[in-house]
N, C-alpha and C. Protein backbone atom coordinates (compact mmCIF):
# COMPACT_ATOMS: atom_id res chain seq x y z
N MET A 1 75.61 127.23 58.77
CA MET A 1 77.02 127.34 58.58
C MET A 1 77.54 128.84 59.33
N VAL A 2 77.85 128.97 59.94
CA VAL A 2 78.52 130.15 60.83
C VAL A 2 79.10 131.29 59.35
N ASN A 3 78.90 132.50 59.68
CA ASN A 3 79.19 133.71 58.86
C ASN A 3 80.91 134.04 59.43
N GLU A 4 81.66 133.66 58.69
CA GLU A 4 83.14 134.40 58.99
C GLU A 4 83.62 135.15 58.18
N HIS A 5 82.85 135.42 57.44
CA HIS A 5 82.84 137.04 56.46
C HIS A 5 83.70 137.15 55.47
N ASN A 6 83.32 135.65 54.97
CA ASN A 6 84.61 135.22 54.00
C ASN A 6 83.87 134.03 53.10
N LEU A 7 82.59 134.30 52.72
CA LEU A 7 81.90 133.42 52.07
C LEU A 7 82.55 133.17 50.55
N PRO A 8 82.51 134.45 49.75
CA PRO A 8 82.97 134.35 48.19
C PRO A 8 84.39 133.44 48.46
N PHE A 9 85.37 133.45 49.55
CA PHE A 9 86.35 132.89 49.19
C PHE A 9 86.14 131.27 49.43
N ARG A 10 85.24 130.96 50.50
CA ARG A 10 85.20 129.68 50.79
C ARG A 10 84.54 129.16 49.55
N ILE A 11 83.68 129.59 48.57
CA ILE A 11 83.40 129.37 47.08
C ILE A 11 83.98 129.17 46.32
N ARG A 12 85.08 129.59 46.58
CA ARG A 12 86.37 129.75 45.18
C ARG A 12 87.10 128.42 46.07
N GLU A 13 87.50 128.05 47.17
CA GLU A 13 88.06 127.25 47.59
C GLU A 13 86.89 125.49 47.08
N TYR A 14 86.15 125.65 47.61
CA TYR A 14 84.91 124.75 47.23
C TYR A 14 85.22 124.44 45.59
N GLN A 15 84.92 125.28 44.89
CA GLN A 15 84.94 125.25 43.37
C GLN A 15 87.04 124.81 42.70
N GLU A 16 87.37 125.20 43.23
CA GLU A 16 89.21 124.92 43.13
C GLU A 16 89.26 123.11 43.65
N LEU A 17 88.80 122.56 44.50
CA LEU A 17 88.35 121.62 44.85
C LEU A 17 87.50 120.82 44.23
N ILE A 18 86.84 120.77 43.69
CA ILE A 18 85.76 120.10 42.55
C ILE A 18 86.61 119.89 41.24
N ASP A 19 87.30 121.16 40.82
CA ASP A 19 88.10 121.26 39.77
C ASP A 19 89.05 120.12 39.80
N GLN A 20 90.01 119.72 41.20
CA GLN A 20 90.95 119.48 41.01
C GLN A 20 90.36 118.17 41.17
N LYS A 21 88.98 117.07 41.82
CA LYS A 21 88.81 115.85 41.31
C LYS A 21 88.78 115.58 39.67
N ILE A 22 88.02 116.23 39.21
CA ILE A 22 88.25 116.43 37.79
C ILE A 22 89.21 116.10 37.12
N LEU A 23 89.91 117.12 37.13
CA LEU A 23 91.15 117.53 36.31
C LEU A 23 92.49 116.64 36.58
N ASN A 24 92.94 115.40 36.06
CA ASN A 24 94.35 115.04 36.32
C ASN A 24 95.45 115.72 35.18
N ILE A 25 96.31 115.40 35.91
CA ILE A 25 97.64 116.14 35.28
C ILE A 25 97.94 115.46 34.64
N GLY A 26 97.97 116.60 33.02
CA GLY A 26 98.16 116.48 31.77
C GLY A 26 96.62 116.47 31.00
N ASP A 27 95.51 116.20 31.63
CA ASP A 27 94.28 116.19 31.16
C ASP A 27 94.59 117.57 30.09
N ASP A 28 93.36 117.50 29.27
CA ASP A 28 93.23 118.24 28.34
C ASP A 28 91.92 119.45 28.82
N TYR A 29 92.15 120.37 28.84
CA TYR A 29 91.07 121.36 29.55
C TYR A 29 89.74 121.05 29.41
N ASP A 30 89.32 120.64 28.06
CA ASP A 30 88.19 120.06 27.35
C ASP A 30 87.37 119.41 28.60
N LYS A 31 87.86 118.50 28.84
CA LYS A 31 87.21 117.61 29.90
C LYS A 31 86.72 118.75 30.82
N LEU A 32 86.85 120.04 31.38
CA LEU A 32 85.92 120.36 32.39
C LEU A 32 84.53 120.64 31.63
N ALA A 33 84.07 120.63 30.06
CA ALA A 33 83.05 120.72 29.35
C ALA A 33 82.10 119.45 29.49
N ASN A 34 82.67 118.69 30.18
CA ASN A 34 81.54 117.62 30.49
C ASN A 34 80.92 117.34 31.74
N TYR A 35 81.80 118.37 32.63
CA TYR A 35 81.19 118.50 34.53
C TYR A 35 80.95 120.01 34.13
N PRO A 36 79.86 120.24 34.32
CA PRO A 36 79.20 121.29 35.09
C PRO A 36 79.16 121.41 36.41
N THR A 37 79.72 122.70 36.85
CA THR A 37 79.05 122.50 38.54
C THR A 37 78.50 123.65 39.14
N TYR A 38 78.56 122.80 40.80
CA TYR A 38 77.93 123.91 41.34
C TYR A 38 78.25 123.85 42.81
N VAL A 39 78.36 124.97 43.47
CA VAL A 39 78.69 125.02 44.62
C VAL A 39 77.47 125.69 45.82
N ILE A 40 77.08 124.76 46.21
CA ILE A 40 76.11 125.57 47.12
C ILE A 40 75.93 125.64 48.43
N PHE A 41 75.60 127.02 48.62
CA PHE A 41 75.69 127.03 50.27
C PHE A 41 74.31 127.47 51.07
N PHE A 42 74.49 126.62 52.12
CA PHE A 42 72.88 127.14 52.79
C PHE A 42 73.65 127.92 54.41
N CYS A 43 73.07 129.41 54.08
CA CYS A 43 73.37 130.10 55.12
C CYS A 43 72.10 130.24 56.30
N ASN A 44 72.61 130.66 57.19
CA ASN A 44 71.58 131.38 58.22
C ASN A 44 71.89 132.51 58.45
N PHE A 45 72.46 133.36 57.35
CA PHE A 45 72.48 134.56 57.05
C PHE A 45 72.55 134.99 56.21
N ASP A 46 72.13 136.35 55.65
CA ASP A 46 72.24 136.84 54.57
C ASP A 46 73.32 137.55 54.40
N TYR A 47 74.39 136.75 53.49
CA TYR A 47 75.95 138.07 53.96
C TYR A 47 76.08 138.53 52.66
N TYR A 48 74.84 138.66 51.82
CA TYR A 48 74.90 139.67 50.71
C TYR A 48 74.24 140.87 51.20
N GLN A 49 72.98 140.61 51.99
CA GLN A 49 72.22 141.72 52.70
C GLN A 49 71.55 142.66 52.19
N ARG A 50 70.86 141.66 50.69
CA ARG A 50 69.39 142.27 49.96
C ARG A 50 68.71 141.54 50.52
N GLY A 51 68.40 140.64 51.29
CA GLY A 51 66.99 139.81 51.83
C GLY A 51 66.47 138.71 50.84
N LEU A 52 67.69 138.48 49.84
CA LEU A 52 66.96 137.45 48.87
C LEU A 52 66.69 135.83 49.45
N ALA A 53 66.39 135.05 49.06
CA ALA A 53 66.46 133.60 49.53
C ALA A 53 67.34 133.06 48.92
N ARG A 54 67.82 133.02 47.38
CA ARG A 54 68.59 132.38 46.79
C ARG A 54 69.61 133.45 46.11
N TYR A 55 71.01 133.04 46.09
CA TYR A 55 72.24 134.24 45.03
C TYR A 55 72.56 133.20 44.57
N GLN A 56 72.36 133.63 42.83
CA GLN A 56 72.99 132.40 41.96
C GLN A 56 74.07 133.40 41.26
N PHE A 57 75.09 132.90 41.13
CA PHE A 57 76.57 133.81 40.56
C PHE A 57 77.01 132.84 39.65
N GLU A 58 77.25 133.62 38.21
CA GLU A 58 77.94 132.56 37.12
C GLU A 58 79.15 134.03 36.90
N PHE A 59 79.84 133.18 36.45
CA PHE A 59 81.46 133.92 35.23
C PHE A 59 80.38 134.69 34.30
N ARG A 60 80.32 136.24 34.31
CA ARG A 60 80.23 137.21 33.23
C ARG A 60 80.92 138.09 32.90
N GLU A 61 80.93 139.19 31.64
CA GLU A 61 81.71 140.03 31.24
C GLU A 61 81.48 140.99 31.77
N LYS A 62 82.06 141.97 32.54
CA LYS A 62 81.96 143.51 33.52
C LYS A 62 81.20 144.39 32.61
N TRP A 63 81.27 144.76 31.63
CA TRP A 63 80.34 145.81 31.01
C TRP A 63 78.92 144.84 29.89
N HIS A 64 79.15 143.88 30.03
CA HIS A 64 78.58 143.30 29.19
C HIS A 64 77.33 141.99 30.27
N PRO A 65 76.93 142.04 30.77
CA PRO A 65 77.10 140.71 31.95
C PRO A 65 75.98 139.86 31.34
N GLU A 66 75.23 140.40 29.72
CA GLU A 66 74.43 139.22 28.61
C GLU A 66 75.53 137.82 28.15
N ILE A 67 77.20 138.55 28.18
CA ILE A 67 77.89 137.62 28.13
C ILE A 67 78.49 136.30 29.28
N THR A 68 78.21 135.09 28.85
CA THR A 68 79.23 134.70 30.30
C THR A 68 80.27 134.56 29.93
N ALA A 69 80.79 133.77 30.76
CA ALA A 69 82.37 133.26 30.32
C ALA A 69 81.99 131.82 29.43
N GLY A 70 81.09 131.17 30.32
CA GLY A 70 80.98 129.88 29.48
C GLY A 70 81.44 128.59 30.04
N ASP A 71 81.71 128.55 31.39
CA ASP A 71 82.87 128.10 31.55
C ASP A 71 81.91 126.88 32.86
N LEU A 72 80.62 126.87 32.88
CA LEU A 72 79.51 126.03 33.08
C LEU A 72 79.97 125.61 34.73
N ARG A 73 80.05 127.28 35.38
CA ARG A 73 80.00 127.05 36.65
C ARG A 73 79.27 127.83 37.78
N THR A 74 78.69 127.25 38.30
CA THR A 74 77.60 128.01 39.22
C THR A 74 77.18 127.77 40.52
N MET A 75 77.34 129.02 41.40
CA MET A 75 77.16 129.25 42.58
C MET A 75 76.33 129.66 43.08
N VAL A 76 75.58 129.11 44.09
CA VAL A 76 74.59 129.26 44.35
C VAL A 76 74.17 129.26 46.16
N VAL A 77 73.85 130.52 46.71
CA VAL A 77 73.78 130.96 48.36
C VAL A 77 72.31 131.49 48.64
N PHE A 78 72.28 130.04 49.56
CA PHE A 78 70.75 130.15 49.88
C PHE A 78 70.69 130.74 51.35
N ASN A 79 69.66 131.50 51.42
CA ASN A 79 69.89 132.40 52.73
C ASN A 79 68.25 132.54 54.08
N THR A 80 68.64 131.22 54.94
CA THR A 80 67.45 131.02 55.94
C THR A 80 67.08 132.33 56.75
N LYS A 81 67.42 133.41 56.26
CA LYS A 81 66.93 134.56 56.95
C LYS A 81 66.15 135.93 56.22
N ALA A 82 65.61 135.27 54.60
CA ALA A 82 64.94 135.83 53.52
C ALA A 82 63.93 136.57 53.93
N GLN A 83 63.73 137.81 52.86
CA GLN A 83 62.23 138.16 53.16
C GLN A 83 61.48 138.08 51.48
N ASP A 84 62.60 137.65 50.46
CA ASP A 84 61.97 137.40 49.10
C ASP A 84 62.65 136.36 48.22
N TYR A 85 61.48 135.44 48.46
CA TYR A 85 61.68 134.21 48.03
C TYR A 85 61.11 133.97 46.40
N GLU A 86 61.33 134.75 45.56
CA GLU A 86 60.97 135.03 44.10
C GLU A 86 61.40 134.07 43.64
N HIS A 87 62.60 134.02 43.55
CA HIS A 87 63.45 132.57 43.42
C HIS A 87 63.94 131.40 43.73
N ALA A 88 62.98 131.21 44.92
CA ALA A 88 63.15 129.85 45.33
C ALA A 88 62.06 129.93 46.40
N THR A 89 61.12 129.86 45.77
CA THR A 89 59.93 128.98 46.34
C THR A 89 59.88 127.80 46.49
N GLU A 90 60.66 127.24 45.61
CA GLU A 90 60.35 125.37 45.48
C GLU A 90 61.29 125.09 47.05
N ILE A 91 62.08 125.78 47.32
CA ILE A 91 62.99 125.41 48.18
C ILE A 91 62.76 126.05 50.00
N ARG A 92 61.65 127.26 49.81
CA ARG A 92 61.19 127.56 50.78
C ARG A 92 61.11 126.58 52.58
N PRO A 93 60.29 125.64 52.24
CA PRO A 93 60.14 124.87 53.43
C PRO A 93 61.44 124.13 53.90
N PHE A 94 62.49 123.72 52.82
CA PHE A 94 63.63 123.31 52.91
C PHE A 94 64.10 124.46 54.25
N LEU A 95 64.13 125.57 53.35
CA LEU A 95 64.99 126.63 54.39
C LEU A 95 64.24 126.72 55.69
N ASP A 96 63.29 126.88 55.40
CA ASP A 96 62.88 127.07 56.69
C ASP A 96 62.85 125.83 57.82
N MET A 97 62.77 124.82 57.51
CA MET A 97 63.51 123.40 58.23
C MET A 97 64.50 123.93 58.52
N ILE A 98 65.75 124.31 58.01
CA ILE A 98 66.89 124.68 58.35
C ILE A 98 67.09 126.07 59.67
N CYS A 99 66.12 127.02 59.24
CA CYS A 99 66.29 128.39 60.04
C CYS A 99 65.46 127.69 61.67
N GLY A 100 64.57 126.60 61.87
CA GLY A 100 63.87 126.33 62.89
C GLY A 100 63.09 126.99 63.05
N THR A 101 61.87 127.36 61.72
CA THR A 101 60.91 127.95 61.56
C THR A 101 59.75 126.68 61.37
N VAL A 102 60.10 125.67 61.16
CA VAL A 102 59.30 124.67 60.76
C VAL A 102 59.01 123.55 62.46
N ASP A 103 58.04 123.41 62.67
CA ASP A 103 57.76 122.70 63.76
C ASP A 103 58.47 120.97 63.15
N THR A 104 59.96 120.55 63.38
CA THR A 104 60.17 119.48 63.54
C THR A 104 58.97 118.26 63.77
N ALA A 105 58.49 118.09 65.10
CA ALA A 105 57.65 117.54 65.81
C ALA A 105 56.53 116.85 64.67
N ALA A 106 56.09 118.18 64.01
CA ALA A 106 55.25 117.66 62.41
C ALA A 106 55.47 116.73 61.48
N VAL A 107 56.95 117.37 60.91
CA VAL A 107 57.94 116.44 60.34
C VAL A 107 57.60 115.03 60.68
N ASP A 108 58.55 114.68 62.10
CA ASP A 108 58.32 113.67 62.66
C ASP A 108 57.10 113.29 62.68
N ALA A 109 56.45 113.57 63.56
CA ALA A 109 54.56 112.90 63.15
C ALA A 109 54.54 112.34 61.65
N GLU A 110 54.61 113.08 60.31
CA GLU A 110 54.48 112.54 59.02
C GLU A 110 55.36 111.00 58.93
N VAL A 111 56.79 111.46 59.65
CA VAL A 111 57.50 110.03 59.29
C VAL A 111 57.05 109.16 59.71
N GLN A 112 56.38 108.86 60.96
CA GLN A 112 55.74 108.16 61.82
C GLN A 112 54.75 107.53 60.89
N ASP A 113 53.63 108.47 60.36
CA ASP A 113 52.36 108.04 59.74
C ASP A 113 52.65 107.14 58.42
N ILE A 114 53.71 107.77 57.78
CA ILE A 114 54.34 106.41 56.51
C ILE A 114 54.63 105.13 56.93
N HIS A 115 55.28 105.27 58.45
CA HIS A 115 55.82 103.92 58.63
C HIS A 115 54.90 102.96 59.07
N ALA A 116 53.70 103.98 59.78
CA ALA A 116 52.45 102.79 60.12
C ALA A 116 51.97 102.96 59.34
N ASP A 117 51.66 103.14 57.62
CA ASP A 117 50.75 102.20 56.62
C ASP A 117 51.38 101.87 55.97
N LYS A 118 51.94 100.54 55.83
CA LYS A 118 52.48 99.84 55.13
C LYS A 118 52.48 100.16 53.57
N GLN A 119 51.21 100.34 53.06
CA GLN A 119 50.83 100.25 51.71
C GLN A 119 51.62 102.21 51.42
N ARG A 120 51.54 103.08 51.91
CA ARG A 120 52.34 104.36 51.99
C ARG A 120 54.03 103.90 52.20
N GLU A 121 54.29 103.48 52.75
CA GLU A 121 56.01 103.23 52.84
C GLU A 121 56.39 102.57 52.09
N ALA A 122 55.33 101.42 50.78
CA ALA A 122 55.78 100.86 49.85
C ALA A 122 56.36 102.11 49.13
N ARG A 123 55.23 102.99 48.58
CA ARG A 123 55.42 104.14 47.71
C ARG A 123 56.22 104.73 47.98
N PHE A 124 56.39 104.87 49.28
CA PHE A 124 57.34 106.14 49.63
C PHE A 124 59.13 105.13 49.01
N MET A 125 59.24 104.30 49.71
CA MET A 125 60.02 103.34 49.51
C MET A 125 60.66 102.86 47.72
N LYS A 126 59.94 102.66 47.38
CA LYS A 126 59.71 102.83 45.30
C LYS A 126 60.22 104.09 45.24
N LYS A 127 59.60 105.33 45.64
CA LYS A 127 59.94 106.65 45.14
C LYS A 127 61.07 107.30 45.64
N GLN A 128 61.73 106.76 46.51
CA GLN A 128 63.23 106.46 47.14
C GLN A 128 64.27 105.93 46.35
N ILE A 129 63.90 104.95 46.36
CA ILE A 129 64.55 103.95 44.86
C ILE A 129 64.53 104.41 43.42
N GLU A 130 63.62 105.10 43.06
CA GLU A 130 63.51 105.81 41.61
C GLU A 130 65.08 107.20 41.77
N TRP A 131 64.69 108.05 42.84
CA TRP A 131 65.26 109.12 43.20
C TRP A 131 67.07 108.46 43.03
N ARG A 132 66.92 107.29 44.09
CA ARG A 132 68.49 106.84 44.12
C ARG A 132 69.00 106.72 42.49
N ARG A 133 68.14 106.00 41.69
CA ARG A 133 68.54 105.55 40.39
C ARG A 133 68.92 107.02 39.86
N GLU A 134 67.98 107.74 39.52
CA GLU A 134 68.08 109.26 38.94
C GLU A 134 69.75 109.64 39.63
N LEU A 135 69.78 109.61 40.63
CA LEU A 135 71.08 110.22 41.27
C LEU A 135 71.83 109.92 40.95
N ARG A 136 72.07 108.15 40.75
CA ARG A 136 73.46 107.62 40.17
C ARG A 136 73.42 107.63 38.79
N LYS A 137 71.96 107.85 37.87
CA LYS A 137 72.53 108.24 36.42
C LYS A 137 73.18 109.89 36.48
N SER A 138 72.46 110.68 37.08
CA SER A 138 73.02 111.69 36.83
C SER A 138 75.06 112.08 37.34
N ARG A 139 75.15 110.62 38.27
CA ARG A 139 76.50 110.96 38.58
C ARG A 139 77.53 110.54 37.42
N GLU A 140 76.79 109.58 36.88
CA GLU A 140 77.76 108.88 35.76
C GLU A 140 77.63 109.76 34.61
N ALA A 141 76.34 110.57 34.01
CA ALA A 141 77.04 111.65 33.26
C ALA A 141 77.47 112.58 33.44
N GLY A 142 78.18 112.71 35.07
CA GLY A 142 78.65 114.07 35.19
C GLY A 142 78.22 115.03 35.57
């Protein structure tokens, strides 16, 4: 993603598009309670300039940030140029790969090794099918 210096407004636009897909004309707003939403951006720049790998935003009361609006919206911005991975350790390898600091030849070699070992490939394919089922269940649940 290119830094066009408008990231918060791009996030807002994506959130609006998601809500438009959920709500139809005449629908009750309570319908949104069944659809927590996440807008996630992966950036190769640090828009907020704090060095964090993960910035997560929720709608909160200005003077009492412990009070959330409760609208079930979450916006997450990942920064591949981060120095602080405290809240993103599990995704660091992926961010490194996006950033280009991971040797993709090693990843390709691992994929080839999986394909060469038929038992390992079968286990991998079984796991992939399980992930797809879980994804489908998640989508159906909203």
